[in-house]
Amino acid sequence: MDETKRLYEEVKKGSISAAFRLAEAFKWGYYGQISPRRAARMYRICCHSKNKKTAALGYYNLGLLYYHGYLSEDERSDPARAFTCFMKSALTYATGDALLKLGDMYRYGQYVSRDEDRARGLYLMADRTA
């Protein structure tokens, strides 16, 4: 049985860590196949983890896929979904990366109104989590 099939079997049994490993594998092509949609499916499983850090990482990585347009047919960014994922990540575990992305979205007015003060506040919060 190859590694991908083995990990899928673990996911079926409820393994969140296997879901995260598969998500990363599909995101980066570790087993020879890059598939953002399959990565997103596995990250969504991670979002429901009881472990807050794992859930936050699931939301953050899912947000990146939306932010960079990997989940749309025309490869266009979906800032609304990205913002929602980054916000859930930040609220779940206050991950610095999610706070930085939210800061960027406020700084450049992506999906939200441009707000330099809010962006600065998010950057400072992210710095404190480092």
Protein backbone atom coordinates (compact mmCIF):
# COMPACT_ATOMS: atom_id res chain seq x y z
CA MET A 1 0.00 0.00 0.00
CA ASP A 2 1.47 3.36 -0.94
CA GLU A 3 1.79 6.18 1.58
CA THR A 4 -1.18 8.16 0.22
CA LYS A 5 -3.55 5.20 0.56
CA ARG A 6 -2.24 4.45 4.03
CA LEU A 7 -2.84 8.05 5.13
CA TYR A 8 -6.35 8.03 3.62
CA GLU A 9 -7.11 4.92 5.67
CA GLU A 10 -5.93 6.73 8.81
CA VAL A 11 -8.12 9.73 7.94
CA LYS A 12 -11.12 7.42 7.61
CA LYS A 13 -10.38 6.23 11.14
CA GLY A 14 -10.39 9.84 12.37
CA SER A 15 -6.70 10.76 12.30
CA ILE A 16 -6.38 14.53 12.07
CA SER A 17 -2.58 14.32 11.84
CA ALA A 18 -2.93 12.06 8.78
CA ALA A 19 -5.32 14.60 7.25
CA PHE A 20 -2.76 17.35 7.82
CA ARG A 21 0.06 15.26 6.31
CA LEU A 22 -2.09 14.52 3.26
CA ALA A 23 -3.05 18.18 2.92
CA GLU A 24 0.61 19.21 2.94
CA ALA A 25 1.48 16.41 0.50
CA PHE A 26 -1.18 17.54 -1.98
CA LYS A 27 -0.28 21.20 -1.52
CA TRP A 28 3.42 20.66 -2.22
CA GLY A 29 3.35 17.50 -4.36
CA TYR A 30 5.30 15.29 -1.93
CA TYR A 31 3.95 12.08 -3.45
CA GLY A 32 4.15 13.25 -7.04
CA GLN A 33 0.78 14.98 -7.31
CA ILE A 34 -0.13 18.59 -6.59
CA SER A 35 -3.86 18.99 -5.98
CA PRO A 36 -5.08 22.14 -4.20
CA ARG A 37 -8.63 20.78 -4.09
CA ARG A 38 -7.56 17.61 -2.31
CA ALA A 39 -5.36 19.66 0.00
CA ALA A 40 -8.36 21.87 0.81
CA ARG A 41 -10.50 18.82 1.56
CA MET A 42 -7.92 17.62 4.08
CA TYR A 43 -7.41 21.09 5.60
CA ARG A 44 -11.18 21.29 6.16
CA ILE A 45 -10.94 18.12 8.21
CA CYS A 46 -8.15 19.74 10.25
CA CYS A 47 -10.37 22.78 10.89
CA HIS A 48 -12.63 20.57 13.00
CA SER A 49 -9.83 19.29 15.22
CA LYS A 50 -10.26 19.52 18.99
CA ASN A 51 -6.64 20.68 19.09
CA LYS A 52 -6.92 24.46 18.63
CA LYS A 53 -3.48 24.84 17.06
CA THR A 54 -4.22 22.17 14.46
CA ALA A 55 -7.60 23.75 13.70
CA ALA A 56 -5.96 27.17 13.35
CA LEU A 57 -3.35 25.75 10.96
CA GLY A 58 -6.12 24.13 8.93
CA TYR A 59 -7.98 27.44 8.62
CA TYR A 60 -4.80 29.36 7.83
CA ASN A 61 -3.66 26.99 5.07
CA LEU A 62 -7.15 26.82 3.61
CA GLY A 63 -7.15 30.62 3.61
CA LEU A 64 -3.89 30.66 1.67
CA LEU A 65 -5.38 28.42 -1.01
CA TYR A 66 -8.32 30.83 -1.39
CA TYR A 67 -6.08 33.90 -1.17
CA HIS A 68 -3.82 32.75 -3.99
CA GLY A 69 -6.70 31.53 -6.18
CA TYR A 70 -5.82 27.85 -6.15
CA LEU A 71 -9.42 26.80 -5.55
CA SER A 72 -11.15 28.74 -8.32
CA GLU A 73 -11.55 27.64 -11.91
CA ASP A 74 -9.99 30.86 -13.24
CA GLU A 75 -7.25 30.92 -10.58
CA ARG A 76 -8.52 34.23 -9.21
CA SER A 77 -8.21 35.06 -5.56
CA ASP A 78 -11.26 34.68 -3.32
CA PRO A 79 -10.52 37.33 -0.70
CA ALA A 80 -13.85 36.91 1.11
CA ARG A 81 -13.24 33.24 1.85
CA ALA A 82 -9.57 33.89 2.57
CA PHE A 83 -10.48 36.61 5.07
CA THR A 84 -12.96 34.31 6.80
CA CYS A 85 -10.38 31.53 7.09
CA PHE A 86 -7.66 33.87 8.37
CA MET A 87 -10.08 35.35 10.90
CA LYS A 88 -11.10 31.90 12.15
CA SER A 89 -7.44 30.93 12.43
CA ALA A 90 -6.61 34.08 14.39
CA LEU A 91 -9.60 33.69 16.69
CA THR A 92 -8.99 29.97 17.26
CA TYR A 93 -5.34 30.14 18.25
CA ALA A 94 -4.05 33.67 17.50
CA THR A 95 -1.55 32.42 14.96
CA GLY A 96 0.93 35.10 13.97
CA ASP A 97 0.77 34.14 10.30
CA ALA A 98 -3.00 34.58 10.19
CA LEU A 99 -2.74 37.93 11.99
CA LEU A 100 -0.14 39.07 9.45
CA LYS A 101 -2.36 38.07 6.53
CA LEU A 102 -5.31 39.89 8.09
CA GLY A 103 -3.07 42.92 8.56
CA ASP A 104 -2.10 42.78 4.90
CA MET A 105 -5.73 42.57 3.84
CA TYR A 106 -6.57 45.68 5.87
CA ARG A 107 -3.44 47.48 4.72
CA TYR A 108 -4.23 46.94 1.04
CA GLY A 109 -8.04 46.96 1.25
CA GLN A 110 -8.52 43.38 0.09
CA TYR A 111 -12.14 42.44 0.80
CA VAL A 112 -12.24 44.93 3.69
CA SER A 113 -12.01 48.70 3.69
CA ARG A 114 -8.45 49.94 3.75
CA ASP A 115 -7.49 50.68 7.35
CA GLU A 116 -3.84 51.38 8.15
CA ASP A 117 -4.48 51.64 11.90
CA ARG A 118 -6.17 48.26 12.09
CA ALA A 119 -3.41 46.75 9.95
CA ARG A 120 -0.77 48.16 12.29
CA GLY A 121 -2.63 46.74 15.29
CA LEU A 122 -2.78 43.31 13.70
CA TYR A 123 0.92 43.44 12.85
CA LEU A 124 1.71 44.31 16.47
CA MET A 125 -0.47 41.44 17.72
CA ALA A 126 1.32 39.09 15.32
CA ASP A 127 4.68 40.29 16.61
CA ARG A 128 3.62 39.50 20.19
CA THR A 129 2.66 35.94 19.25
CA ALA A 130 6.11 35.24 17.76
